[in-house]
Amino acid sequence: RRIAIQMSLYLFSFWFTFTPTLIAFVGQILTGDLFYDLQIFANCVFALQGFVMAIVYFGLQRLGTPKVEGVPTCSRDDYITVSDIRANAKKKTESGSEVD
């Protein structure tokens, strides 16, 4: 639930910074006029997108909201290399068993 709230906050902050630009674009397409005040406001808000995202990030950190973690990484020993596969296949063919 906390991750859903965190994700929603990031999406809201993205759409908050992107919507004025979208409105200005749609208004220009529909009317053919360029609304300078809206365009300037939209460009200023869009330029502050990184700042808004940073405020959300640091605000969530301060509140103690856990970060969204990715897939845990494996250690180097957990990986099977191509040479391991070839050596295993060679052992199986030498012993007479089928190669999978």
N, C-alpha and C. Protein backbone atom coordinates (compact mmCIF):
# COMPACT_ATOMS: atom_id res chain seq x y z
N ARG A 1 0.82 -1.19 0.00
CA ARG A 1 0.00 0.00 0.00
C ARG A 1 0.87 1.26 0.00
N ARG A 2 1.94 1.24 0.79
CA ARG A 2 2.82 2.41 0.85
C ARG A 2 3.52 2.64 -0.49
N ILE A 3 3.85 1.55 -1.16
CA ILE A 3 4.50 1.68 -2.47
C ILE A 3 3.51 2.26 -3.48
N ALA A 4 2.25 1.86 -3.40
CA ALA A 4 1.23 2.41 -4.30
C ALA A 4 1.06 3.90 -4.07
N ILE A 5 1.10 4.33 -2.82
CA ILE A 5 0.99 5.76 -2.51
C ILE A 5 2.20 6.51 -3.05
N GLN A 6 3.38 5.93 -2.86
CA GLN A 6 4.60 6.56 -3.35
C GLN A 6 4.58 6.67 -4.87
N MET A 7 4.16 5.62 -5.54
CA MET A 7 4.08 5.63 -7.00
C MET A 7 3.06 6.66 -7.47
N SER A 8 1.94 6.74 -6.78
CA SER A 8 0.91 7.72 -7.15
C SER A 8 1.42 9.15 -6.97
N LEU A 9 2.20 9.37 -5.95
CA LEU A 9 2.75 10.71 -5.72
C LEU A 9 3.72 11.10 -6.82
N TYR A 10 4.55 10.17 -7.25
CA TYR A 10 5.46 10.45 -8.36
C TYR A 10 4.68 10.72 -9.65
N LEU A 11 3.65 9.90 -9.92
CA LEU A 11 2.85 10.11 -11.13
C LEU A 11 2.11 11.44 -11.09
N PHE A 12 1.57 11.78 -9.92
CA PHE A 12 0.87 13.06 -9.78
C PHE A 12 1.83 14.22 -10.04
N SER A 13 3.04 14.13 -9.49
CA SER A 13 3.99 15.23 -9.69
C SER A 13 4.42 15.32 -11.15
N PHE A 14 4.51 14.17 -11.84
CA PHE A 14 4.82 14.20 -13.27
C PHE A 14 3.70 14.89 -14.04
N TRP A 15 2.46 14.45 -13.79
CA TRP A 15 1.34 15.04 -14.53
C TRP A 15 1.12 16.49 -14.15
N PHE A 16 1.45 16.88 -12.92
CA PHE A 16 1.35 18.28 -12.51
C PHE A 16 2.27 19.16 -13.36
N THR A 17 3.46 18.65 -13.67
CA THR A 17 4.40 19.44 -14.46
C THR A 17 4.16 19.31 -15.96
N PHE A 18 3.49 18.27 -16.39
CA PHE A 18 3.29 18.04 -17.82
C PHE A 18 1.97 18.58 -18.34
N THR A 19 0.96 18.66 -17.49
CA THR A 19 -0.39 19.06 -17.93
C THR A 19 -0.46 20.48 -18.50
N PRO A 20 0.19 21.49 -17.90
CA PRO A 20 0.10 22.83 -18.53
C PRO A 20 0.63 22.86 -19.96
N THR A 21 1.70 22.12 -20.22
CA THR A 21 2.24 22.06 -21.58
C THR A 21 1.24 21.39 -22.52
N LEU A 22 0.62 20.34 -22.04
CA LEU A 22 -0.38 19.64 -22.85
C LEU A 22 -1.59 20.53 -23.14
N ILE A 23 -2.03 21.26 -22.13
CA ILE A 23 -3.17 22.18 -22.32
C ILE A 23 -2.82 23.28 -23.32
N ALA A 24 -1.61 23.83 -23.22
CA ALA A 24 -1.19 24.87 -24.16
C ALA A 24 -1.13 24.33 -25.59
N PHE A 25 -0.63 23.11 -25.72
CA PHE A 25 -0.53 22.50 -27.06
C PHE A 25 -1.92 22.25 -27.65
N VAL A 26 -2.80 21.66 -26.86
CA VAL A 26 -4.16 21.37 -27.35
C VAL A 26 -4.90 22.67 -27.67
N GLY A 27 -4.73 23.69 -26.83
CA GLY A 27 -5.37 24.97 -27.10
C GLY A 27 -4.87 25.61 -28.38
N GLN A 28 -3.58 25.46 -28.64
CA GLN A 28 -3.02 26.00 -29.88
C GLN A 28 -3.54 25.25 -31.10
N ILE A 29 -3.67 23.95 -30.99
CA ILE A 29 -4.17 23.14 -32.11
C ILE A 29 -5.64 23.46 -32.39
N LEU A 30 -6.45 23.56 -31.34
CA LEU A 30 -7.89 23.77 -31.52
C LEU A 30 -8.23 25.18 -32.01
N THR A 31 -7.56 26.19 -31.46
CA THR A 31 -7.91 27.56 -31.80
C THR A 31 -7.02 28.18 -32.87
N GLY A 32 -5.81 27.65 -33.00
CA GLY A 32 -4.87 28.24 -33.96
C GLY A 32 -4.13 29.43 -33.39
N ASP A 33 -4.50 29.86 -32.20
CA ASP A 33 -3.83 30.98 -31.55
C ASP A 33 -2.80 30.46 -30.56
N LEU A 34 -1.78 31.27 -30.32
CA LEU A 34 -0.76 30.93 -29.34
C LEU A 34 -1.00 31.77 -28.10
N PHE A 35 -1.30 31.11 -26.98
CA PHE A 35 -1.54 31.80 -25.72
C PHE A 35 -0.19 31.97 -25.03
N TYR A 36 0.38 33.16 -25.15
CA TYR A 36 1.74 33.39 -24.67
C TYR A 36 1.86 33.22 -23.16
N ASP A 37 0.90 33.74 -22.43
CA ASP A 37 0.98 33.62 -20.97
C ASP A 37 0.95 32.16 -20.53
N LEU A 38 0.07 31.40 -21.12
CA LEU A 38 -0.03 29.98 -20.80
C LEU A 38 1.22 29.23 -21.24
N GLN A 39 1.75 29.58 -22.40
CA GLN A 39 2.95 28.92 -22.91
C GLN A 39 4.16 29.20 -22.01
N ILE A 40 4.29 30.43 -21.55
CA ILE A 40 5.40 30.78 -20.65
C ILE A 40 5.25 30.04 -19.32
N PHE A 41 4.04 30.04 -18.78
CA PHE A 41 3.79 29.32 -17.53
C PHE A 41 4.08 27.82 -17.70
N ALA A 42 3.62 27.24 -18.80
CA ALA A 42 3.81 25.81 -19.04
C ALA A 42 5.30 25.47 -19.17
N ASN A 43 6.05 26.30 -19.86
CA ASN A 43 7.48 26.06 -20.01
C ASN A 43 8.22 26.18 -18.68
N CYS A 44 7.82 27.15 -17.86
CA CYS A 44 8.45 27.31 -16.55
C CYS A 44 8.16 26.11 -15.64
N VAL A 45 6.92 25.66 -15.62
CA VAL A 45 6.55 24.52 -14.78
C VAL A 45 7.24 23.25 -15.28
N PHE A 46 7.28 23.07 -16.60
CA PHE A 46 7.92 21.88 -17.16
C PHE A 46 9.42 21.88 -16.87
N ALA A 47 10.04 23.05 -16.90
CA ALA A 47 11.47 23.14 -16.60
C ALA A 47 11.77 22.80 -15.15
N LEU A 48 10.79 22.95 -14.28
CA LEU A 48 10.97 22.65 -12.86
C LEU A 48 10.64 21.20 -12.51
N GLN A 49 10.45 20.36 -13.52
CA GLN A 49 10.04 18.98 -13.27
C GLN A 49 11.06 18.23 -12.41
N GLY A 50 12.33 18.39 -12.68
CA GLY A 50 13.36 17.73 -11.88
C GLY A 50 13.34 18.18 -10.43
N PHE A 51 13.12 19.47 -10.24
CA PHE A 51 13.04 20.02 -8.88
C PHE A 51 11.84 19.44 -8.13
N VAL A 52 10.71 19.35 -8.80
CA VAL A 52 9.50 18.80 -8.18
C VAL A 52 9.72 17.34 -7.82
N MET A 53 10.34 16.57 -8.71
CA MET A 53 10.62 15.17 -8.42
C MET A 53 11.59 15.03 -7.24
N ALA A 54 12.58 15.93 -7.17
CA ALA A 54 13.52 15.89 -6.05
C ALA A 54 12.81 16.21 -4.74
N ILE A 55 11.89 17.16 -4.76
CA ILE A 55 11.12 17.49 -3.56
C ILE A 55 10.32 16.27 -3.10
N VAL A 56 9.69 15.58 -4.04
CA VAL A 56 8.93 14.38 -3.69
C VAL A 56 9.86 13.31 -3.11
N TYR A 57 11.00 13.10 -3.76
CA TYR A 57 11.94 12.07 -3.32
C TYR A 57 12.43 12.35 -1.90
N PHE A 58 12.92 13.56 -1.67
CA PHE A 58 13.46 13.89 -0.36
C PHE A 58 12.36 14.00 0.70
N GLY A 59 11.18 14.42 0.29
CA GLY A 59 10.05 14.45 1.22
C GLY A 59 9.67 13.05 1.67
N LEU A 60 9.65 12.10 0.75
CA LEU A 60 9.34 10.72 1.11
C LEU A 60 10.43 10.12 1.98
N GLN A 61 11.68 10.47 1.70
CA GLN A 61 12.77 9.99 2.55
C GLN A 61 12.63 10.51 3.96
N ARG A 62 12.27 11.75 4.08
CA ARG A 62 12.13 12.36 5.40
C ARG A 62 10.98 11.74 6.19
N LEU A 63 9.92 11.36 5.49
CA LEU A 63 8.78 10.72 6.14
C LEU A 63 9.05 9.25 6.46
N GLY A 64 10.13 8.71 5.92
CA GLY A 64 10.47 7.33 6.20
C GLY A 64 9.78 6.34 5.29
N THR A 65 9.27 6.79 4.16
CA THR A 65 8.64 5.89 3.22
C THR A 65 9.72 5.04 2.57
N PRO A 66 9.54 3.73 2.54
CA PRO A 66 10.58 2.89 1.95
C PRO A 66 10.68 3.12 0.45
N LYS A 67 11.89 3.02 -0.05
CA LYS A 67 12.10 3.17 -1.48
C LYS A 67 11.63 1.92 -2.20
N VAL A 68 11.24 2.07 -3.45
CA VAL A 68 10.87 0.93 -4.26
C VAL A 68 12.16 0.23 -4.65
N GLU A 69 12.28 -1.02 -4.26
CA GLU A 69 13.48 -1.79 -4.53
C GLU A 69 13.27 -2.60 -5.80
N GLY A 70 14.32 -2.78 -6.55
CA GLY A 70 14.27 -3.60 -7.74
C GLY A 70 14.48 -5.06 -7.40
N VAL A 71 14.71 -5.84 -8.41
CA VAL A 71 14.98 -7.27 -8.22
C VAL A 71 16.32 -7.39 -7.52
N PRO A 72 16.41 -8.23 -6.49
CA PRO A 72 17.70 -8.37 -5.82
C PRO A 72 18.76 -8.91 -6.78
N THR A 73 19.95 -8.38 -6.63
CA THR A 73 21.03 -8.80 -7.51
C THR A 73 21.67 -10.07 -6.98
N CYS A 74 22.19 -10.83 -7.89
CA CYS A 74 22.85 -12.09 -7.53
C CYS A 74 24.34 -11.85 -7.45
N SER A 75 24.98 -12.67 -6.67
CA SER A 75 26.43 -12.57 -6.61
C SER A 75 27.02 -13.20 -7.86
N ARG A 76 28.27 -12.97 -8.10
CA ARG A 76 28.95 -13.47 -9.30
C ARG A 76 28.93 -15.00 -9.35
N ASP A 77 28.93 -15.65 -8.20
CA ASP A 77 28.95 -17.11 -8.16
C ASP A 77 27.65 -17.73 -8.63
N ASP A 78 26.56 -16.98 -8.63
CA ASP A 78 25.27 -17.52 -9.03
C ASP A 78 25.08 -17.59 -10.54
N TYR A 79 25.95 -16.92 -11.29
CA TYR A 79 25.81 -16.89 -12.73
C TYR A 79 26.49 -18.11 -13.36
N ILE A 80 25.88 -18.59 -14.42
CA ILE A 80 26.48 -19.67 -15.20
C ILE A 80 27.04 -19.03 -16.45
N THR A 81 28.31 -19.25 -16.69
CA THR A 81 28.96 -18.66 -17.85
C THR A 81 28.84 -19.59 -19.04
N VAL A 82 29.18 -19.07 -20.20
CA VAL A 82 29.14 -19.86 -21.42
C VAL A 82 30.14 -21.01 -21.32
N SER A 83 31.30 -20.74 -20.75
CA SER A 83 32.29 -21.82 -20.62
C SER A 83 31.79 -22.92 -19.69
N ASP A 84 31.01 -22.56 -18.65
CA ASP A 84 30.42 -23.59 -17.78
C ASP A 84 29.44 -24.46 -18.55
N ILE A 85 28.63 -23.85 -19.40
CA ILE A 85 27.65 -24.58 -20.19
C ILE A 85 28.36 -25.52 -21.17
N ARG A 86 29.40 -25.01 -21.83
CA ARG A 86 30.14 -25.84 -22.78
C ARG A 86 30.83 -27.01 -22.09
N ALA A 87 31.44 -26.75 -20.93
CA ALA A 87 32.12 -27.81 -20.19
C ALA A 87 31.11 -28.86 -19.73
N ASN A 88 29.95 -28.42 -19.29
CA ASN A 88 28.91 -29.35 -18.85
C ASN A 88 28.41 -30.19 -20.02
N ALA A 89 28.23 -29.56 -21.18
CA ALA A 89 27.77 -30.29 -22.37
C ALA A 89 28.82 -31.29 -22.81
N LYS A 90 30.09 -30.91 -22.74
CA LYS A 90 31.17 -31.81 -23.14
C LYS A 90 31.22 -33.02 -22.20
N LYS A 91 31.06 -32.80 -20.90
CA LYS A 91 31.05 -33.91 -19.93
C LYS A 91 29.90 -34.86 -20.20
N LYS A 92 28.74 -34.30 -20.52
CA LYS A 92 27.56 -35.15 -20.76
C LYS A 92 27.74 -35.98 -22.02
N THR A 93 28.33 -35.39 -23.08
CA THR A 93 28.51 -36.17 -24.31
C THR A 93 29.61 -37.21 -24.15
N GLU A 94 30.63 -36.91 -23.35
CA GLU A 94 31.70 -37.88 -23.12
C GLU A 94 31.21 -39.06 -22.26
N SER A 95 30.31 -38.77 -21.35
CA SER A 95 29.80 -39.84 -20.48
C SER A 95 28.68 -40.64 -21.14
N GLY A 96 28.21 -40.17 -22.29
CA GLY A 96 27.18 -40.89 -23.02
C GLY A 96 25.77 -40.50 -22.68
N SER A 97 25.58 -39.56 -21.76
CA SER A 97 24.21 -39.13 -21.42
C SER A 97 23.75 -38.09 -22.43
N GLU A 98 22.45 -37.90 -22.47
CA GLU A 98 21.88 -36.95 -23.42
C GLU A 98 22.18 -35.51 -23.00
N VAL A 99 22.33 -34.65 -23.99
CA VAL A 99 22.54 -33.22 -23.74
C VAL A 99 21.19 -32.56 -23.76
N ASP A 100 20.86 -31.79 -22.70
CA ASP A 100 19.58 -31.10 -22.62
C ASP A 100 19.64 -29.79 -23.33
